[in-house]
Structures are given as C-alpha cells and as structure tokens.
C-alpha atoms as a PDB file:
ATOM      1  CA  MET A   1      -4.615  -8.136 -20.394  1.00  0.00           C
ATOM      2  CA  TRP A   2      -8.254  -8.436 -19.311  1.00  0.00           C
ATOM      3  CA  ILE A   3      -7.750 -12.109 -18.437  1.00  0.00           C
ATOM      4  CA  TYR A   4      -5.264 -11.055 -15.763  1.00  0.00           C
ATOM      5  CA  TRP A   5      -7.785  -8.674 -14.200  1.00  0.00           C
ATOM      6  CA  VAL A   6     -10.381 -11.469 -14.182  1.00  0.00           C
ATOM      7  CA  LEU A   7      -7.867 -13.879 -12.594  1.00  0.00           C
ATOM      8  CA  MET A   8      -6.980 -11.267  -9.985  1.00  0.00           C
ATOM      9  CA  PHE A   9     -10.649 -10.718  -9.172  1.00  0.00           C
ATOM     10  CA  VAL A  10     -11.307 -14.478  -8.878  1.00  0.00           C
ATOM     11  CA  LEU A  11      -8.312 -14.943  -6.562  1.00  0.00           C
ATOM     12  CA  VAL A  12      -9.348 -12.063  -4.282  1.00  0.00           C
ATOM     13  CA  VAL A  13     -12.957 -13.305  -4.136  1.00  0.00           C
ATOM     14  CA  ALA A  14     -11.754 -16.859  -3.392  1.00  0.00           C
ATOM     15  CA  ASP A  15      -9.588 -15.513  -0.564  1.00  0.00           C
ATOM     16  CA  GLN A  16     -12.476 -13.583   0.964  1.00  0.00           C
ATOM     17  CA  VAL A  17     -14.914 -16.513   0.622  1.00  0.00           C
ATOM     18  CA  ILE A  18     -12.463 -18.923   2.284  1.00  0.00           C
ATOM     19  CA  LYS A  19     -11.847 -16.487   5.142  1.00  0.00           C
ATOM     20  CA  SER A  20     -15.578 -15.947   5.625  1.00  0.00           C
ATOM     21  CA  ALA A  21     -16.217 -19.701   5.708  1.00  0.00           C
ATOM     22  CA  ILE A  22     -13.507 -20.187   8.330  1.00  0.00           C
ATOM     23  CA  VAL A  23     -14.831 -17.377  10.532  1.00  0.00           C
ATOM     24  CA  ASN A  24     -18.405 -18.697  10.230  1.00  0.00           C
ATOM     25  CA  HIS A  25     -17.633 -22.390  10.817  1.00  0.00           C
ATOM     26  CA  ILE A  26     -14.611 -22.607  13.123  1.00  0.00           C
ATOM     27  CA  ALA A  27     -14.457 -20.860  16.493  1.00  0.00           C
ATOM     28  CA  LEU A  28     -11.599 -18.421  17.049  1.00  0.00           C
ATOM     29  CA  GLY A  29      -8.518 -20.399  18.077  1.00  0.00           C
ATOM     30  CA  ALA A  30     -10.129 -23.769  17.301  1.00  0.00           C
ATOM     31  CA  SER A  31      -8.754 -26.250  14.772  1.00  0.00           C
ATOM     32  CA  GLN A  32     -10.253 -28.902  12.534  1.00  0.00           C
ATOM     33  CA  THR A  33      -8.051 -31.604  11.079  1.00  0.00           C
ATOM     34  CA  VAL A  34      -8.317 -31.947   7.306  1.00  0.00           C
ATOM     35  CA  VAL A  35      -5.515 -34.464   6.683  1.00  0.00           C
ATOM     36  CA  PRO A  36      -4.149 -36.012   9.917  1.00  0.00           C
ATOM     37  CA  GLY A  37      -0.514 -35.145  10.491  1.00  0.00           C
ATOM     38  CA  LEU A  38      -0.483 -32.878   7.441  1.00  0.00           C
ATOM     39  CA  LEU A  39      -3.075 -30.071   7.403  1.00  0.00           C
ATOM     40  CA  SER A  40      -5.530 -28.497   9.799  1.00  0.00           C
ATOM     41  CA  LEU A  41      -7.785 -25.476   9.516  1.00  0.00           C
ATOM     42  CA  THR A  42      -7.390 -23.041  12.407  1.00  0.00           C
ATOM     43  CA  ASN A  43      -9.265 -19.767  12.845  1.00  0.00           C
ATOM     44  CA  LEU A  44      -6.575 -17.266  13.761  1.00  0.00           C
ATOM     45  CA  HIS A  45      -6.708 -13.479  13.751  1.00  0.00           C
ATOM     46  CA  ASN A  46      -3.346 -11.889  12.969  1.00  0.00           C
ATOM     47  CA  ASP A  47      -2.707  -8.169  13.265  1.00  0.00           C
ATOM     48  CA  GLY A  48       0.952  -8.649  12.324  1.00  0.00           C
ATOM     49  CA  ALA A  49       2.834 -10.513   9.620  1.00  0.00           C
ATOM     50  CA  ALA A  50       4.263 -14.044   9.567  1.00  0.00           C
ATOM     51  CA  TRP A  51       5.325 -15.252  13.028  1.00  0.00           C
ATOM     52  CA  SER A  52       3.307 -12.241  14.320  1.00  0.00           C
ATOM     53  CA  ILE A  53       6.159  -9.843  13.586  1.00  0.00           C
ATOM     54  CA  LEU A  54       5.199  -6.155  13.642  1.00  0.00           C
ATOM     55  CA  GLN A  55       2.078  -7.088  15.577  1.00  0.00           C
ATOM     56  CA  GLY A  56      -0.361  -4.196  15.898  1.00  0.00           C
ATOM     57  CA  LYS A  57       1.468  -1.962  13.396  1.00  0.00           C
ATOM     58  CA  MET A  58      -1.586  -1.462  11.153  1.00  0.00           C
ATOM     59  CA  GLY A  59      -0.480   1.971   9.935  1.00  0.00           C
ATOM     60  CA  PHE A  60       2.723   0.416   8.628  1.00  0.00           C
ATOM     61  CA  PHE A  61       0.795  -2.362   6.881  1.00  0.00           C
ATOM     62  CA  TYR A  62      -1.612   0.145   5.284  1.00  0.00           C
ATOM     63  CA  LEU A  63       1.283   2.209   3.966  1.00  0.00           C
ATOM     64  CA  ILE A  64       3.355  -0.717   2.733  1.00  0.00           C
ATOM     65  CA  SER A  65       0.307  -2.305   1.064  1.00  0.00           C
ATOM     66  CA  ILE A  66      -0.560   0.883  -0.821  1.00  0.00           C
ATOM     67  CA  VAL A  67       3.045   1.411  -1.951  1.00  0.00           C
ATOM     68  CA  ALA A  68       3.432  -2.267  -2.940  1.00  0.00           C
ATOM     69  CA  LEU A  69       0.154  -2.231  -4.888  1.00  0.00           C
ATOM     70  CA  GLY A  70       1.230   0.914  -6.737  1.00  0.00           C
ATOM     71  CA  VAL A  71       4.589  -0.601  -7.662  1.00  0.00           C
ATOM     72  CA  MET A  72       3.032  -3.913  -8.721  1.00  0.00           C
ATOM     73  CA  VAL A  73       0.354  -2.260 -10.888  1.00  0.00           C
ATOM     74  CA  TYR A  74       3.081  -0.204 -12.568  1.00  0.00           C
ATOM     75  CA  LEU A  75       5.176  -3.359 -13.140  1.00  0.00           C
ATOM     76  CA  LEU A  76       2.148  -5.205 -14.479  1.00  0.00           C
ATOM     77  CA  TRP A  77       1.684  -2.445 -17.055  1.00  0.00           C
ATOM     78  CA  ARG A  78       5.427  -2.135 -17.762  1.00  0.00           C
ATOM     79  CA  LEU A  79       5.987  -5.892 -18.216  1.00  0.00           C
ATOM     80  CA  ARG A  80       2.713  -6.456 -20.052  1.00  0.00           C
ATOM     81  CA  THR A  81       4.293  -8.493 -22.842  1.00  0.00           C
ATOM     82  CA  HIS A  82       6.064 -10.957 -20.549  1.00  0.00           C
ATOM     83  CA  ARG A  83       3.514 -13.620 -19.586  1.00  0.00           C
ATOM     84  CA  LEU A  84       5.430 -15.165 -16.685  1.00  0.00           C
ATOM     85  CA  TYR A  85       6.138 -11.777 -15.095  1.00  0.00           C
ATOM     86  CA  GLU A  86       2.488 -10.768 -15.622  1.00  0.00           C
ATOM     87  CA  SER A  87       1.183 -13.959 -14.046  1.00  0.00           C
ATOM     88  CA  GLY A  88       3.446 -13.628 -11.026  1.00  0.00           C
ATOM     89  CA  ILE A  89       2.553  -9.990 -10.486  1.00  0.00           C
ATOM     90  CA  VAL A  90      -1.177 -10.761 -10.780  1.00  0.00           C
ATOM     91  CA  PHE A  91      -0.872 -13.391  -8.025  1.00  0.00           C
ATOM     92  CA  MET A  92       1.118 -10.952  -5.876  1.00  0.00           C
ATOM     93  CA  ILE A  93      -1.448  -8.173  -6.353  1.00  0.00           C
ATOM     94  CA  ALA A  94      -4.297 -10.562  -5.509  1.00  0.00           C
ATOM     95  CA  GLY A  95      -2.542 -11.707  -2.333  1.00  0.00           C
ATOM     96  CA  THR A  96      -1.752  -8.170  -1.260  1.00  0.00           C
ATOM     97  CA  LEU A  97      -5.338  -7.049  -1.926  1.00  0.00           C
ATOM     98  CA  GLY A  98      -6.821 -10.027  -0.056  1.00  0.00           C
ATOM     99  CA  ASN A  99      -4.914  -9.234   3.121  1.00  0.00           C
ATOM    100  CA  PHE A 100      -5.321  -5.459   2.679  1.00  0.00           C
ATOM    101  CA  ILE A 101      -9.099  -5.869   2.487  1.00  0.00           C
ATOM    102  CA  ASP A 102      -9.028  -7.738   5.808  1.00  0.00           C
ATOM    103  CA  ARG A 103      -6.871  -5.103   7.481  1.00  0.00           C
ATOM    104  CA  ILE A 104      -9.133  -2.265   6.342  1.00  0.00           C
ATOM    105  CA  ARG A 105     -12.437  -4.074   6.904  1.00  0.00           C
ATOM    106  CA  ILE A 106     -11.821  -5.858  10.227  1.00  0.00           C
ATOM    107  CA  GLY A 107      -8.444  -4.630  11.525  1.00  0.00           C
ATOM    108  CA  TYR A 108      -6.584  -7.945  11.222  1.00  0.00           C
ATOM    109  CA  VAL A 109      -5.944 -10.759   8.759  1.00  0.00           C
ATOM    110  CA  VAL A 110      -7.790 -14.075   9.049  1.00  0.00           C
ATOM    111  CA  ASP A 111      -5.359 -16.999   8.788  1.00  0.00           C
ATOM    112  CA  MET A 112      -6.386 -20.642   8.585  1.00  0.00           C
ATOM    113  CA  PHE A 113      -3.994 -23.124   6.982  1.00  0.00           C
ATOM    114  CA  GLN A 114      -1.880 -24.942   9.556  1.00  0.00           C
ATOM    115  CA  LEU A 115       0.812 -27.363   8.420  1.00  0.00           C
ATOM    116  CA  ASP A 116       0.864 -30.009  11.145  1.00  0.00           C
ATOM    117  CA  PHE A 117       4.131 -31.647  10.098  1.00  0.00           C
ATOM    118  CA  ILE A 118       6.321 -28.560  10.545  1.00  0.00           C
ATOM    119  CA  ASN A 119       6.558 -25.544  12.837  1.00  0.00           C
ATOM    120  CA  PHE A 120       5.385 -22.960  10.324  1.00  0.00           C
ATOM    121  CA  PRO A 121       3.158 -19.897  10.713  1.00  0.00           C
ATOM    122  CA  ILE A 122      -0.537 -20.381  10.053  1.00  0.00           C
ATOM    123  CA  PHE A 123      -1.314 -18.687   6.744  1.00  0.00           C
ATOM    124  CA  ASN A 124      -4.189 -17.932   4.380  1.00  0.00           C
ATOM    125  CA  PHE A 125      -5.057 -18.127   0.686  1.00  0.00           C
ATOM    126  CA  ALA A 126      -3.803 -14.572   0.058  1.00  0.00           C
ATOM    127  CA  ASP A 127      -0.413 -15.565   1.495  1.00  0.00           C
ATOM    128  CA  THR A 128      -0.399 -18.548  -0.857  1.00  0.00           C
ATOM    129  CA  CYS A 129      -1.111 -16.232  -3.799  1.00  0.00           C
ATOM    130  CA  LEU A 130       1.793 -14.004  -2.740  1.00  0.00           C
ATOM    131  CA  THR A 131       4.126 -17.007  -2.523  1.00  0.00           C
ATOM    132  CA  VAL A 132       3.059 -18.375  -5.915  1.00  0.00           C
ATOM    133  CA  GLY A 133       3.523 -14.902  -7.405  1.00  0.00           C
ATOM    134  CA  VAL A 134       7.029 -14.515  -6.003  1.00  0.00           C
ATOM    135  CA  ILE A 135       7.988 -17.976  -7.310  1.00  0.00           C
ATOM    136  CA  LEU A 136       6.658 -17.135 -10.783  1.00  0.00           C
ATOM    137  CA  VAL A 137       8.554 -13.830 -10.858  1.00  0.00           C
ATOM    138  CA  LEU A 138      11.752 -15.567  -9.712  1.00  0.00           C
ATOM    139  CA  ILE A 139      11.374 -18.149 -12.480  1.00  0.00           C
ATOM    140  CA  ALA A 140      10.791 -15.300 -14.961  1.00  0.00           C
ATOM    141  CA  VAL A 141      13.954 -13.551 -13.778  1.00  0.00           C
ATOM    142  CA  LEU A 142      15.980 -16.773 -14.060  1.00  0.00           C
ATOM    143  CA  ARG A 143      14.671 -17.343 -17.592  1.00  0.00           C
ATOM    144  CA  ASP A 144      15.061 -13.713 -18.662  1.00  0.00           C
ATOM    145  CA  GLU A 145      17.834 -13.587 -21.263  1.00  0.00           C
ATOM    146  CA  SER A 146      18.357  -9.847 -20.799  1.00  0.00           C
ATOM    147  CA  PHE A 147      20.142 -10.624 -17.498  1.00  0.00           C
ATOM    148  CA  ASP A 148      22.723 -12.761 -19.347  1.00  0.00           C
ATOM    149  CA  LYS A 149      24.311  -9.752 -21.033  1.00  0.00           C
END
C-alpha cells in the first residue's frame, strides 16, 4: 500500500511543479505553442470547473473536495486488494488534491494545457490525473466479475 502513497505524493508534487513553472514563465492569458496545431501551453486562472461552470463558487468546491477525498480514501482502504481500483483511486485522489491545494493556497486553479485541434477546456495535470483515475476505475468495474452475478 505504501507504493500508492508514494505515487500519490509524486503526482501531486508534479502537478504543483508544472503549475509553478507555467505561472513563472508564461504571462497570464498568454500562450506558447508546443506542437503546432496540436498543443499549446496557456496560463489560465480558473475559479470554476471545466468550461468555467460554477465560477466563483469556492465554498462549494472546498466542500465537494473534502467530501470526495473522504470517500476516495475510504474506497482506497476498502478496495485495497484490487490493484486496478487502487490505482484509479490513487490518481483520482492526486488530481483532487492538486486542484484543492490551488483553491486553498491561491483561490483558483492554474490551468495550462490547450488542445489546439479541438474546442476543449484548457486543463491541468491534476485534471489529467482525475481523468486517468476515472478510466482505470471504469476498466476495473468492467472487468469485475462480481457484477456478472
């Protein structure tokens, strides 16, 4: 189980380091192309969720983050013998913590990854961790034989 706590720590630190680098090297609202037509880095401050929904509702995000973290830590303990569930939950906890740290520390989330080939919200590493975690949990559910009964 300790390897999951180490992975979680590494993911949260990576998220915070990436966000710090973006804030320190790209002006707010500015973009730098990484791969033309594919990916740019944009310094964006978001006090809402994807597509800026619930913008400015920090109290809601604090509450939902605390509840979600509590549920995920419980599930991590409860499903501790199921590797795919554990891995997915670890990624989800790391993503939730990464964005929660931003909200508490600076009052908004720093987003940076812009997909230039599609109209998609700018997102960050923590969001990527959340997405990977959800995908892993969905795969675990689909492979879970106890749902076949």
